[in-house]
C-alpha cells in the first residue's frame, strides 16, 4: 500500500513516513499543495494524508481537485484547525476522516488502516503465486504455510514482484518503486536485496520463484 503525505512541516512529514515504513507501508512526502497534485497525477496512491495549511495551494483546494479526478481515493485530513466548522467542512468536502494535531501516531495508523479496509478495492488484498502468499493488509508473507520474516523493504520488493509476476523488472524500476531513488549502476544495493529475498523465499524449496534475467533484471514466476 502506498500513501502520500501532504504536510508542509518537514519534521512532521518525516516522522509520519518513518512510522508508516515500520508497518510496511510505502509513504512519500510532499510539502505543498501543487506538488501533491503533480505527484498524484504521476503515481498511484492508495490513500492521502492531507494538511490544510499548505503553501502555494491550501488543503481545501487540493481536496476539491482530488475529488474531481479521483473520487474514490481515501483522504484523511490532518490539521491543527481544530474548530468544529473546519472538521465539518473537511468531511462535507469529501474527506473520509479528519484528525486534529497534535496527534498520536498510533491513532493515525489505526484510522488509516480502517479507511483502507473500507476502500472499494480493485486491487487484491492477498497477492499469491504457487505456494507463496503476501497479505497486504496484515503485512504477512508465507510460503508453503511457513511464515517468512521480511524487512519492510523486502516486503515492498516482494509485493512489487508479485504484482508484476511474469514481467522482468529492471534494476531501475526496482530502485524507483521500492527505494524511491534513481538507480546508480555503481551500487549493488538491488542485487544484495534480491539475494537476501531469495534466501528467504527460495532457499528451502526445490522450485525456485525468483529468477535472474542476465543483463536485464529479475522476474518472479513459476518455471
Protein backbone atom coordinates (compact mmCIF):
# COMPACT_ATOMS: atom_id res chain seq x y z
CA UNK A 1 0.00 0.00 0.00
CA UNK A 2 1.34 3.45 -0.94
CA UNK A 3 0.39 6.59 0.96
CA UNK A 4 1.01 10.24 0.08
CA UNK A 5 1.73 12.58 3.00
CA UNK A 6 0.98 16.24 2.20
CA UNK A 7 2.47 18.24 5.07
CA UNK A 8 4.46 21.48 4.95
CA UNK A 9 6.37 20.77 8.18
CA UNK A 10 9.22 18.51 7.05
CA UNK A 11 9.89 17.13 10.53
CA UNK A 12 6.25 16.08 10.91
CA UNK A 13 6.16 14.59 7.41
CA UNK A 14 9.36 12.62 8.02
CA UNK A 15 8.01 11.36 11.37
CA UNK A 16 4.84 10.08 9.70
CA UNK A 17 6.72 8.48 6.80
CA UNK A 18 9.11 6.72 9.17
CA UNK A 19 6.20 5.43 11.24
CA UNK A 20 4.36 4.05 8.22
CA UNK A 21 7.52 2.39 6.86
CA UNK A 22 7.85 0.44 10.09
CA UNK A 23 4.45 -1.09 9.32
CA UNK A 24 5.40 -1.96 5.73
CA UNK A 25 3.52 0.92 4.12
CA UNK A 26 5.32 2.87 1.42
CA UNK A 27 4.93 6.57 2.21
CA UNK A 28 6.01 9.59 0.15
CA UNK A 29 6.04 13.15 1.47
CA UNK A 30 5.41 16.41 -0.37
CA UNK A 31 5.38 19.85 1.20
CA UNK A 32 2.91 21.96 -0.77
CA UNK A 33 -0.44 21.55 -2.49
CA UNK A 34 0.77 21.95 -6.07
CA UNK A 35 3.42 19.27 -5.59
CA UNK A 36 0.75 16.97 -4.13
CA UNK A 37 -1.41 17.22 -7.24
CA UNK A 38 1.58 16.61 -9.50
CA UNK A 39 2.57 13.53 -7.50
CA UNK A 40 -0.99 12.19 -7.65
CA UNK A 41 -1.00 12.61 -11.44
CA UNK A 42 2.18 10.56 -11.79
CA UNK A 43 1.89 7.78 -9.17
CA UNK A 44 -0.93 5.54 -7.94
CA UNK A 45 -1.65 6.05 -4.24
CA UNK A 46 -4.00 4.10 -2.00
CA UNK A 47 -4.59 6.95 0.46
CA UNK A 48 -3.68 10.60 1.08
CA UNK A 49 -2.93 12.23 4.45
CA UNK A 50 -3.61 15.91 3.80
CA UNK A 51 -2.82 19.01 5.85
CA UNK A 52 -4.98 22.12 5.48
CA UNK A 53 -2.47 24.96 5.88
CA UNK A 54 -0.18 24.42 2.89
CA UNK A 55 1.90 26.80 0.77
CA UNK A 56 1.04 27.54 -2.88
CA UNK A 57 -2.31 25.72 -2.70
CA UNK A 58 -4.19 25.02 0.53
CA UNK A 59 -5.58 21.66 1.57
CA UNK A 60 -9.19 22.63 0.80
CA UNK A 61 -8.31 23.31 -2.83
CA UNK A 62 -6.23 20.13 -3.07
CA UNK A 63 -9.14 18.11 -1.67
CA UNK A 64 -11.54 19.66 -4.17
CA UNK A 65 -9.27 18.78 -7.09
CA UNK A 66 -8.70 15.24 -5.79
CA UNK A 67 -12.46 14.71 -5.66
CA UNK A 68 -12.76 15.93 -9.27
CA UNK A 69 -10.18 13.49 -10.62
CA UNK A 70 -10.02 10.63 -8.10
CA UNK A 71 -13.41 10.37 -6.38
CA UNK A 72 -12.65 7.00 -4.75
CA UNK A 73 -9.24 7.91 -3.32
CA UNK A 74 -9.44 7.97 0.52
CA UNK A 75 -8.30 11.25 2.09
CA UNK A 76 -7.57 11.74 5.78
CA UNK A 77 -7.18 15.39 6.73
CA UNK A 78 -4.56 16.02 9.42
CA UNK A 79 -4.68 19.60 10.65
CA UNK A 80 -4.21 21.99 13.54
CA UNK A 81 -7.51 23.61 12.51
CA UNK A 82 -9.47 22.11 15.38
CA UNK A 83 -12.69 24.12 15.23
CA UNK A 84 -15.94 22.31 14.51
CA UNK A 85 -16.51 24.30 11.31
CA UNK A 86 -13.21 23.11 9.80
CA UNK A 87 -13.93 19.50 10.67
CA UNK A 88 -17.40 19.69 9.16
CA UNK A 89 -16.02 21.43 6.07
CA UNK A 90 -13.42 18.69 5.58
CA UNK A 91 -15.90 15.84 5.87
CA UNK A 92 -18.55 17.54 3.73
CA UNK A 93 -15.93 18.37 1.08
CA UNK A 94 -15.14 14.70 0.61
CA UNK A 95 -12.52 13.74 3.19
CA UNK A 96 -13.20 10.34 4.75
CA UNK A 97 -11.68 11.32 8.10
CA UNK A 98 -10.32 14.34 9.98
CA UNK A 99 -7.65 14.09 12.68
CA UNK A 100 -6.56 17.06 14.78
CA UNK A 101 -2.95 17.99 15.59
CA UNK A 102 -1.20 17.28 17.87
CA UNK A 103 -1.91 13.63 17.23
CA UNK A 104 -0.89 10.15 18.29
CA UNK A 105 0.79 8.20 15.50
CA UNK A 106 -0.91 5.03 16.71
CA UNK A 107 -4.30 6.69 16.27
CA UNK A 108 -3.31 7.93 12.81
CA UNK A 109 -2.20 4.41 11.88
CA UNK A 110 -5.45 2.89 13.16
CA UNK A 111 -7.54 5.40 11.21
CA UNK A 112 -5.54 4.79 8.02
CA UNK A 113 -5.96 1.02 8.34
CA UNK A 114 -9.68 1.49 8.89
CA UNK A 115 -10.00 3.64 5.77
CA UNK A 116 -8.05 1.14 3.68
CA UNK A 117 -10.30 -1.69 4.85
CA UNK A 118 -13.36 0.29 3.77
CA UNK A 119 -11.89 1.39 0.45
CA UNK A 120 -13.57 -0.04 -2.68
CA UNK A 121 -10.61 -2.05 -3.84
CA UNK A 122 -9.90 -3.19 -7.37
CA UNK A 123 -6.51 -4.40 -6.17
CA UNK A 124 -6.17 -7.74 -4.40
CA UNK A 125 -5.55 -7.75 -0.65
CA UNK A 126 -3.63 -11.03 -0.94
CA UNK A 127 -1.01 -11.49 -3.66
CA UNK A 128 -0.10 -15.07 -4.48
CA UNK A 129 1.77 -17.28 -6.89
CA UNK A 130 2.20 -21.02 -6.44
CA UNK A 131 2.52 -21.58 -2.65
CA UNK A 132 3.80 -18.03 -1.97
CA UNK A 133 1.30 -15.61 -0.39
CA UNK A 134 1.57 -11.99 0.67
CA UNK A 135 -1.21 -10.36 2.71
CA UNK A 136 -1.05 -6.60 2.14
CA UNK A 137 -3.38 -5.66 5.00
CA UNK A 138 -1.94 -7.97 7.65
CA UNK A 139 1.60 -7.39 6.31
CA UNK A 140 2.42 -11.09 6.44
CA UNK A 141 4.18 -13.36 3.99
CA UNK A 142 4.32 -17.13 3.82
CA UNK A 143 5.44 -19.90 1.54
CA UNK A 144 4.12 -23.40 1.83
CA UNK A 145 2.31 -22.34 5.00
CA UNK A 146 5.57 -21.24 6.64
CA UNK A 147 5.82 -17.60 7.72
CA UNK A 148 8.56 -15.53 6.09
CA UNK A 149 10.26 -12.91 8.26
CA UNK A 150 10.75 -9.97 5.90
CA UNK A 151 12.08 -6.47 6.49
CA UNK A 152 9.94 -3.53 5.35
CA UNK A 153 11.91 -3.14 2.12
CA UNK A 154 11.85 -6.88 1.43
CA UNK A 155 8.07 -6.85 1.87
CA UNK A 156 7.74 -3.95 -0.59
CA UNK A 157 10.11 -5.63 -3.06
CA UNK A 158 8.23 -8.92 -2.92
CA UNK A 159 4.89 -7.12 -3.31
CA UNK A 160 6.20 -5.36 -6.42
CA UNK A 161 7.42 -8.63 -7.92
CA UNK A 162 4.14 -10.40 -7.13
CA UNK A 163 2.06 -7.61 -8.64
CA UNK A 164 4.14 -7.91 -11.80
CA UNK A 165 4.74 -11.65 -11.76
CA UNK A 166 5.90 -12.86 -15.15
CA UNK A 167 7.32 -9.43 -16.01
CA UNK A 168 11.04 -8.79 -15.99
CA UNK A 169 11.80 -5.88 -13.66
CA UNK A 170 14.92 -3.86 -14.34
CA UNK A 171 17.11 -2.60 -11.52
CA UNK A 172 16.00 0.92 -12.42
CA UNK A 173 12.30 0.09 -11.92
CA UNK A 174 13.01 -1.70 -8.63
CA UNK A 175 15.10 1.22 -7.33
CA UNK A 176 12.42 3.77 -8.21
CA UNK A 177 9.45 1.75 -6.95
CA UNK A 178 10.91 0.34 -3.72
CA UNK A 179 13.67 2.76 -2.70
CA UNK A 180 12.30 5.86 -4.47
CA UNK A 181 15.77 6.57 -5.86
CA UNK A 182 17.34 6.69 -9.30
CA UNK A 183 19.41 3.60 -9.98
CA UNK A 184 23.16 4.02 -9.77
CA UNK A 185 24.98 1.40 -11.82
CA UNK A 186 27.94 1.67 -9.45
CA UNK A 187 25.97 0.29 -6.50
CA UNK A 188 24.87 -3.28 -5.86
CA UNK A 189 22.06 -2.45 -3.42
CA UNK A 190 19.40 -4.06 -5.66
CA UNK A 191 21.41 -7.23 -6.21
CA UNK A 192 22.08 -7.58 -2.48
CA UNK A 193 18.39 -7.07 -1.69
CA UNK A 194 17.34 -9.70 -4.24
CA UNK A 195 19.94 -12.13 -2.86
CA UNK A 196 18.57 -11.73 0.68
CA UNK A 197 14.99 -12.06 -0.51
CA UNK A 198 15.87 -15.23 -2.42
CA UNK A 199 17.36 -16.73 0.71
CA UNK A 200 14.04 -16.27 2.49
CA UNK A 201 11.70 -17.15 -0.37
CA UNK A 202 13.53 -19.84 -2.35
CA UNK A 203 16.40 -21.37 -0.37
CA UNK A 204 14.35 -24.13 1.29
CA UNK A 205 12.38 -25.08 -1.82
CA UNK A 206 13.33 -27.07 -4.90
CA UNK A 207 11.00 -24.97 -7.08
CA UNK A 208 12.54 -21.50 -7.36
CA UNK A 209 10.32 -18.47 -7.98
CA UNK A 210 12.79 -15.56 -8.23
CA UNK A 211 14.91 -15.68 -11.38
CA UNK A 212 17.67 -13.56 -12.88
CA UNK A 213 17.39 -12.43 -16.48
CA UNK A 214 21.01 -11.73 -17.22
CA UNK A 215 21.70 -8.18 -18.34
CA UNK A 216 18.06 -7.14 -17.85
CA UNK A 217 16.81 -7.66 -14.29
CA UNK A 218 14.71 -10.04 -12.22
CA UNK A 219 11.40 -11.85 -12.59
CA UNK A 220 9.09 -13.73 -10.22
CA UNK A 221 7.41 -16.64 -11.97
CA UNK A 222 6.84 -20.40 -11.95
CA UNK A 223 9.21 -22.30 -14.23
